[in-house]
Amino acid sequence: TASGLSVKTNRGRLVATDSRIVPLHALVSVPGYHAGTVVPVLDRGGAIKGHRVDVLLPTFDQAKDWGSRLLDVKIYEPLDE
């Protein structure tokens, strides 16, 4: 991942975002993804631009079933120290 952490971090429960919109290490809650529990932003990608979130799913079939959705996502940005 772009964060340098493994995709196995948080038992594979993580998302990718456009880090210009949602920074790495922020926490997000995506309705329907792991029961809406808060998961970390640990990756970004070339196809993830603007207000998009890419959720990591264990299999290709699960990703196809998830598809593309329009959802309200809660974002918890990391605090500056």
N, C-alpha and C. Protein backbone atom coordinates (compact mmCIF):
# COMPACT_ATOMS: atom_id res chain seq x y z
N THR A 1 0.83 -1.19 0.00
CA THR A 1 0.00 0.00 0.00
C THR A 1 0.87 1.24 0.00
N ALA A 2 0.29 2.37 -0.32
CA ALA A 2 1.02 3.63 -0.34
C ALA A 2 1.50 4.04 1.05
N SER A 3 0.83 3.53 2.09
CA SER A 3 1.21 3.85 3.46
C SER A 3 2.45 3.06 3.90
N GLY A 4 2.82 2.04 3.13
CA GLY A 4 3.93 1.19 3.51
C GLY A 4 3.50 0.01 4.36
N LEU A 5 2.22 -0.05 4.72
CA LEU A 5 1.69 -1.16 5.51
C LEU A 5 1.12 -2.23 4.59
N SER A 6 1.07 -3.45 5.09
CA SER A 6 0.57 -4.58 4.32
C SER A 6 -0.95 -4.49 4.13
N VAL A 7 -1.45 -5.11 3.07
CA VAL A 7 -2.91 -5.19 2.88
C VAL A 7 -3.54 -6.07 3.94
N LYS A 8 -2.73 -6.80 4.68
CA LYS A 8 -3.25 -7.62 5.78
C LYS A 8 -3.48 -6.80 7.05
N THR A 9 -3.03 -5.54 7.05
CA THR A 9 -3.24 -4.66 8.18
C THR A 9 -4.73 -4.55 8.46
N ASN A 10 -5.09 -4.54 9.73
CA ASN A 10 -6.50 -4.44 10.15
C ASN A 10 -7.33 -5.58 9.57
N ARG A 11 -6.70 -6.75 9.44
CA ARG A 11 -7.33 -7.95 8.88
C ARG A 11 -7.88 -7.71 7.47
N GLY A 12 -7.17 -6.89 6.69
CA GLY A 12 -7.57 -6.63 5.31
C GLY A 12 -8.74 -5.67 5.18
N ARG A 13 -9.05 -5.00 6.24
CA ARG A 13 -10.16 -4.03 6.22
C ARG A 13 -9.57 -2.64 6.09
N LEU A 14 -9.50 -2.17 4.85
CA LEU A 14 -8.92 -0.86 4.59
C LEU A 14 -9.45 -0.33 3.27
N VAL A 15 -9.20 0.94 3.05
CA VAL A 15 -9.67 1.57 1.82
C VAL A 15 -8.55 2.40 1.20
N ALA A 16 -8.77 2.76 -0.06
CA ALA A 16 -7.89 3.67 -0.78
C ALA A 16 -8.70 4.89 -1.18
N THR A 17 -8.05 6.04 -1.16
CA THR A 17 -8.72 7.30 -1.54
C THR A 17 -7.75 8.15 -2.35
N ASP A 18 -8.25 9.24 -2.85
CA ASP A 18 -7.41 10.28 -3.44
C ASP A 18 -6.86 11.06 -2.24
N SER A 19 -5.57 10.96 -1.99
CA SER A 19 -5.00 11.56 -0.78
C SER A 19 -5.02 13.09 -0.80
N ARG A 20 -5.38 13.69 -1.93
CA ARG A 20 -5.59 15.14 -1.94
C ARG A 20 -6.92 15.49 -1.27
N ILE A 21 -7.84 14.53 -1.21
CA ILE A 21 -9.16 14.73 -0.62
C ILE A 21 -9.22 14.15 0.79
N VAL A 22 -8.80 12.89 0.93
CA VAL A 22 -8.79 12.21 2.23
C VAL A 22 -7.37 11.67 2.43
N PRO A 23 -6.66 12.16 3.45
CA PRO A 23 -5.26 11.78 3.62
C PRO A 23 -5.06 10.35 4.09
N LEU A 24 -3.88 9.80 3.78
CA LEU A 24 -3.50 8.50 4.32
C LEU A 24 -3.60 8.55 5.84
N HIS A 25 -4.00 7.45 6.42
CA HIS A 25 -4.13 7.25 7.87
C HIS A 25 -5.38 7.89 8.45
N ALA A 26 -6.18 8.55 7.62
CA ALA A 26 -7.49 8.98 8.10
C ALA A 26 -8.32 7.71 8.34
N LEU A 27 -9.41 7.85 9.06
CA LEU A 27 -10.33 6.73 9.28
C LEU A 27 -11.64 7.06 8.59
N VAL A 28 -12.26 6.06 8.00
CA VAL A 28 -13.54 6.27 7.32
C VAL A 28 -14.53 5.17 7.70
N SER A 29 -15.78 5.51 7.61
CA SER A 29 -16.86 4.54 7.79
C SER A 29 -17.66 4.52 6.50
N VAL A 30 -17.68 3.37 5.84
CA VAL A 30 -18.38 3.19 4.57
C VAL A 30 -19.59 2.30 4.81
N PRO A 31 -20.81 2.81 4.63
CA PRO A 31 -22.00 1.99 4.86
C PRO A 31 -21.95 0.69 4.05
N GLY A 32 -22.17 -0.43 4.75
CA GLY A 32 -22.18 -1.73 4.08
C GLY A 32 -20.83 -2.42 4.00
N TYR A 33 -19.76 -1.69 4.28
CA TYR A 33 -18.42 -2.28 4.25
C TYR A 33 -18.03 -2.62 5.68
N HIS A 34 -17.87 -3.88 5.97
CA HIS A 34 -17.57 -4.36 7.32
C HIS A 34 -18.49 -3.74 8.35
N ALA A 35 -19.79 -3.81 8.03
CA ALA A 35 -20.87 -3.35 8.92
C ALA A 35 -20.73 -1.88 9.30
N GLY A 36 -20.09 -1.10 8.44
CA GLY A 36 -19.96 0.34 8.70
C GLY A 36 -18.94 0.68 9.77
N THR A 37 -18.14 -0.32 10.19
CA THR A 37 -17.10 -0.03 11.18
C THR A 37 -16.05 0.90 10.58
N VAL A 38 -15.34 1.59 11.42
CA VAL A 38 -14.32 2.52 10.98
C VAL A 38 -13.09 1.74 10.52
N VAL A 39 -12.59 2.09 9.33
CA VAL A 39 -11.41 1.44 8.77
C VAL A 39 -10.41 2.51 8.32
N PRO A 40 -9.11 2.16 8.26
CA PRO A 40 -8.11 3.15 7.88
C PRO A 40 -7.97 3.33 6.36
N VAL A 41 -7.55 4.52 5.98
CA VAL A 41 -7.16 4.81 4.60
C VAL A 41 -5.66 4.51 4.52
N LEU A 42 -5.31 3.43 3.82
CA LEU A 42 -3.91 3.03 3.76
C LEU A 42 -3.35 3.00 2.34
N ASP A 43 -4.17 3.36 1.36
CA ASP A 43 -3.69 3.28 -0.01
C ASP A 43 -4.31 4.40 -0.85
N ARG A 44 -3.72 4.59 -2.01
CA ARG A 44 -4.26 5.50 -3.02
C ARG A 44 -3.96 4.86 -4.36
N GLY A 45 -4.61 5.30 -5.39
CA GLY A 45 -4.36 4.68 -6.69
C GLY A 45 -4.58 5.66 -7.82
N GLY A 46 -4.02 5.34 -8.97
CA GLY A 46 -4.12 6.21 -10.13
C GLY A 46 -5.54 6.42 -10.61
N ALA A 47 -6.40 5.42 -10.42
CA ALA A 47 -7.79 5.52 -10.88
C ALA A 47 -8.71 6.13 -9.83
N ILE A 48 -8.19 6.36 -8.64
CA ILE A 48 -9.01 6.89 -7.55
C ILE A 48 -8.79 8.40 -7.50
N LYS A 49 -9.67 9.13 -8.15
CA LYS A 49 -9.55 10.59 -8.25
C LYS A 49 -10.79 11.24 -7.68
N GLY A 50 -10.58 12.30 -6.94
CA GLY A 50 -11.71 13.06 -6.41
C GLY A 50 -12.40 12.34 -5.26
N HIS A 51 -13.69 12.49 -5.21
CA HIS A 51 -14.49 11.96 -4.10
C HIS A 51 -14.86 10.50 -4.33
N ARG A 52 -13.85 9.65 -4.35
CA ARG A 52 -14.04 8.21 -4.56
C ARG A 52 -13.31 7.45 -3.45
N VAL A 53 -13.86 6.30 -3.10
CA VAL A 53 -13.24 5.42 -2.12
C VAL A 53 -13.21 4.03 -2.74
N ASP A 54 -12.07 3.37 -2.66
CA ASP A 54 -11.93 2.00 -3.14
C ASP A 54 -11.81 1.09 -1.92
N VAL A 55 -12.77 0.18 -1.74
CA VAL A 55 -12.75 -0.72 -0.59
C VAL A 55 -12.03 -2.01 -0.98
N LEU A 56 -11.24 -2.54 -0.05
CA LEU A 56 -10.54 -3.80 -0.29
C LEU A 56 -11.46 -4.94 0.10
N LEU A 57 -11.69 -5.83 -0.84
CA LEU A 57 -12.49 -7.02 -0.60
C LEU A 57 -11.63 -8.25 -0.85
N PRO A 58 -11.92 -9.38 -0.16
CA PRO A 58 -11.04 -10.55 -0.24
C PRO A 58 -10.96 -11.23 -1.60
N THR A 59 -12.04 -11.16 -2.40
CA THR A 59 -12.02 -11.86 -3.69
C THR A 59 -12.52 -10.97 -4.80
N PHE A 60 -12.17 -11.34 -6.01
CA PHE A 60 -12.63 -10.61 -7.19
C PHE A 60 -14.16 -10.69 -7.30
N ASP A 61 -14.74 -11.86 -7.02
CA ASP A 61 -16.20 -12.02 -7.09
C ASP A 61 -16.90 -11.11 -6.09
N GLN A 62 -16.35 -10.99 -4.89
CA GLN A 62 -16.96 -10.08 -3.90
C GLN A 62 -16.86 -8.64 -4.37
N ALA A 63 -15.75 -8.29 -5.00
CA ALA A 63 -15.59 -6.94 -5.53
C ALA A 63 -16.60 -6.67 -6.65
N LYS A 64 -16.81 -7.66 -7.53
CA LYS A 64 -17.80 -7.51 -8.59
C LYS A 64 -19.20 -7.36 -8.00
N ASP A 65 -19.51 -8.15 -6.98
CA ASP A 65 -20.82 -8.06 -6.32
C ASP A 65 -21.02 -6.71 -5.65
N TRP A 66 -19.95 -6.16 -5.06
CA TRP A 66 -20.03 -4.84 -4.41
C TRP A 66 -20.31 -3.79 -5.48
N GLY A 67 -19.58 -3.87 -6.59
CA GLY A 67 -19.79 -2.95 -7.70
C GLY A 67 -19.39 -1.53 -7.38
N SER A 68 -20.11 -0.61 -7.99
CA SER A 68 -19.90 0.83 -7.79
C SER A 68 -21.14 1.37 -7.11
N ARG A 69 -20.95 2.13 -6.04
CA ARG A 69 -22.09 2.62 -5.26
C ARG A 69 -21.91 4.10 -4.93
N LEU A 70 -23.02 4.79 -4.83
CA LEU A 70 -23.02 6.17 -4.37
C LEU A 70 -23.46 6.14 -2.91
N LEU A 71 -22.52 6.47 -2.00
CA LEU A 71 -22.76 6.37 -0.56
C LEU A 71 -22.27 7.62 0.16
N ASP A 72 -22.84 7.88 1.30
CA ASP A 72 -22.33 8.92 2.20
C ASP A 72 -21.32 8.27 3.13
N VAL A 73 -20.08 8.73 3.07
CA VAL A 73 -18.99 8.15 3.85
C VAL A 73 -18.61 9.15 4.94
N LYS A 74 -18.42 8.65 6.16
CA LYS A 74 -17.94 9.50 7.25
C LYS A 74 -16.42 9.44 7.27
N ILE A 75 -15.80 10.62 7.41
CA ILE A 75 -14.35 10.72 7.38
C ILE A 75 -13.88 11.30 8.71
N TYR A 76 -12.91 10.63 9.31
CA TYR A 76 -12.28 11.08 10.55
C TYR A 76 -10.81 11.32 10.23
N GLU A 77 -10.44 12.57 10.05
CA GLU A 77 -9.06 12.88 9.65
C GLU A 77 -8.14 12.81 10.85
N PRO A 78 -6.89 12.39 10.61
CA PRO A 78 -5.92 12.32 11.72
C PRO A 78 -5.63 13.72 12.26
N LEU A 79 -5.37 13.78 13.55
CA LEU A 79 -5.05 15.06 14.18
C LEU A 79 -3.60 15.42 13.89
N ASP A 80 -3.36 16.70 13.67
CA ASP A 80 -1.97 17.19 13.52
C ASP A 80 -1.37 17.27 14.91
N GLU A 81 -0.13 16.87 15.01
CA GLU A 81 0.52 16.90 16.33
C GLU A 81 1.46 18.06 16.43
